[in-house]
Amino acid sequence: VQLQASGGGLVQTGRFLRLSCTAPRFPYDFGDYAIAWFRQVAGKEREFVAGISWKGDGKRYADSVKGRFTIDRDSAKNTVYLQMNELKPEDTGVYLCARKGTRWGTIPDQSGAYNYWGQGTQVTVSS
């Protein structure tokens, strides 16, 4: 496993969760790459949720999560966080973090632009 995602769980509508993504195999150049979170639901395509630039000064969100989710990175800890507030049942899925295939640059929303993935963490929001 190249990336490790954690923090998922079962919560009620309106509650919050904070996901974490670490890269134990890339401790020295983790900060050179954009990192993104995707959501996978059975029977559907993998969906971009949020991404953060390699410097942390650029962020991108899916329209469905704008204003509710916040992505941040802590370079000292080689960790990217996804704070998810005001959760809705439609946020349910397996959340995977991914590292962009090339250094620096923009934050793609296509999964094909990312070549290292974590195992995912399940988020379930009950109504």
Protein backbone atom coordinates (compact mmCIF):
# COMPACT_ATOMS: atom_id res chain seq x y z
CA VAL A 1 0.00 0.00 0.00
CA GLN A 2 1.54 3.25 -1.10
CA LEU A 3 -0.84 5.62 0.64
CA GLN A 4 -2.80 5.07 3.82
CA ALA A 5 -6.24 6.57 4.33
CA SER A 6 -7.99 6.57 7.69
CA GLY A 7 -10.72 8.29 9.65
CA GLY A 8 -13.85 6.90 8.06
CA GLY A 9 -16.84 5.63 9.98
CA LEU A 10 -20.60 5.58 10.40
CA VAL A 11 -22.22 8.91 11.27
CA GLN A 12 -25.63 10.51 11.14
CA THR A 13 -26.67 13.20 8.69
CA GLY A 14 -25.28 16.59 9.64
CA ARG A 15 -22.34 15.23 11.57
CA PHE A 16 -18.65 15.42 10.61
CA LEU A 17 -15.61 13.28 9.96
CA ARG A 18 -11.94 14.02 9.35
CA LEU A 19 -10.04 11.79 7.00
CA SER A 20 -6.26 11.51 6.92
CA CYS A 21 -3.92 10.39 4.16
CA THR A 22 -0.29 9.55 4.79
CA ALA A 23 2.46 8.26 2.53
CA PRO A 24 4.87 6.09 4.53
CA ARG A 25 6.65 5.00 1.34
CA PHE A 26 7.26 8.56 0.12
CA PRO A 27 8.41 10.47 3.18
CA TYR A 28 10.93 12.64 1.36
CA ASP A 29 9.08 13.91 -1.69
CA PHE A 30 5.46 13.73 -0.58
CA GLY A 31 5.38 17.52 -0.62
CA ASP A 32 6.24 17.65 -4.34
CA TYR A 33 2.91 16.21 -5.47
CA ALA A 34 -0.71 17.23 -5.56
CA ILE A 35 -2.92 14.91 -3.52
CA ALA A 36 -6.59 14.25 -4.13
CA TRP A 37 -9.49 12.45 -2.52
CA PHE A 38 -11.87 10.38 -4.62
CA ARG A 39 -15.09 8.62 -3.67
CA GLN A 40 -15.99 5.17 -4.92
CA VAL A 41 -19.53 3.86 -4.79
CA ALA A 42 -20.39 0.37 -6.02
CA GLY A 43 -21.64 0.44 -9.58
CA LYS A 44 -20.51 4.01 -10.20
CA GLU A 45 -17.38 5.63 -11.55
CA ARG A 46 -14.76 6.87 -9.15
CA GLU A 47 -15.61 10.50 -8.38
CA PHE A 48 -13.24 13.37 -7.63
CA VAL A 49 -14.02 14.99 -4.27
CA ALA A 50 -11.18 17.40 -3.47
CA GLY A 51 -7.55 18.05 -4.29
CA ILE A 52 -4.71 20.14 -2.96
CA SER A 53 -1.64 21.43 -4.76
CA TRP A 54 1.86 20.36 -3.89
CA LYS A 55 2.48 23.64 -2.00
CA GLY A 56 -0.92 23.62 -0.37
CA ASP A 57 -1.85 27.01 -1.78
CA GLY A 58 -4.26 25.66 -4.37
CA LYS A 59 -7.41 23.69 -3.63
CA ARG A 60 -10.12 22.25 -5.80
CA TYR A 61 -13.49 20.79 -4.83
CA ALA A 62 -16.35 18.97 -6.47
CA ASP A 63 -19.46 21.14 -6.62
CA SER A 64 -21.30 18.67 -4.39
CA VAL A 65 -18.95 19.28 -1.45
CA LYS A 66 -18.08 22.98 -1.78
CA GLY A 67 -18.70 24.84 1.45
CA ARG A 68 -18.86 21.60 3.47
CA PHE A 69 -15.50 19.89 2.91
CA THR A 70 -12.03 21.35 3.43
CA ILE A 71 -8.77 19.82 2.29
CA ASP A 72 -5.45 20.72 3.91
CA ARG A 73 -1.94 19.33 4.14
CA ASP A 74 0.65 19.31 6.88
CA SER A 75 4.05 19.07 5.23
CA ALA A 76 5.86 18.41 8.48
CA LYS A 77 3.70 15.32 9.03
CA ASN A 78 3.44 14.29 5.35
CA THR A 79 -0.31 14.15 5.82
CA VAL A 80 -3.29 15.42 3.87
CA TYR A 81 -6.60 15.90 5.66
CA LEU A 82 -10.18 16.05 4.44
CA GLN A 83 -12.50 17.71 6.92
CA MET A 84 -16.06 16.72 6.05
CA ASN A 85 -18.81 18.74 7.72
CA GLU A 86 -22.59 18.66 7.33
CA LEU A 87 -22.43 15.15 5.98
CA LYS A 88 -25.26 13.86 3.82
CA PRO A 89 -26.30 10.30 2.89
CA GLU A 90 -25.08 10.94 -0.65
CA ASP A 91 -21.55 11.41 0.72
CA THR A 92 -21.48 7.69 1.52
CA GLY A 93 -18.74 5.69 -0.15
CA VAL A 94 -15.17 4.50 0.04
CA TYR A 95 -12.84 7.47 0.14
CA LEU A 96 -9.46 6.98 -1.48
CA CYS A 97 -6.52 9.34 -1.46
CA ALA A 98 -4.20 9.47 -4.43
CA ARG A 99 -0.91 11.04 -5.42
CA LYS A 100 -0.59 12.78 -8.75
CA GLY A 101 1.68 11.04 -11.21
CA THR A 102 3.83 14.08 -11.93
CA ARG A 103 5.43 16.63 -9.66
CA TRP A 104 4.07 20.12 -9.09
CA GLY A 105 1.59 21.66 -11.55
CA THR A 106 -2.20 21.73 -11.40
CA ILE A 107 -4.75 19.62 -9.53
CA PRO A 108 -6.40 17.23 -12.00
CA ASP A 109 -9.88 15.87 -11.36
CA GLN A 110 -9.40 12.78 -13.54
CA SER A 111 -8.42 9.62 -11.69
CA GLY A 112 -6.06 8.67 -14.51
CA ALA A 113 -3.74 11.53 -13.57
CA TYR A 114 -2.98 9.85 -10.24
CA ASN A 115 -0.76 6.80 -10.08
CA TYR A 116 -0.47 5.97 -6.38
CA TRP A 117 -3.54 5.10 -4.38
CA GLY A 118 -4.43 4.15 -0.85
CA GLN A 119 -6.70 1.29 0.16
CA GLY A 120 -9.58 3.61 1.02
CA THR A 121 -11.65 4.24 4.11
CA GLN A 122 -15.39 3.66 4.32
CA VAL A 123 -17.67 6.60 5.09
CA THR A 124 -21.32 5.84 5.77
CA VAL A 125 -23.83 8.59 6.48
CA SER A 126 -27.18 7.46 7.79
CA SER A 127 -30.35 9.48 7.29
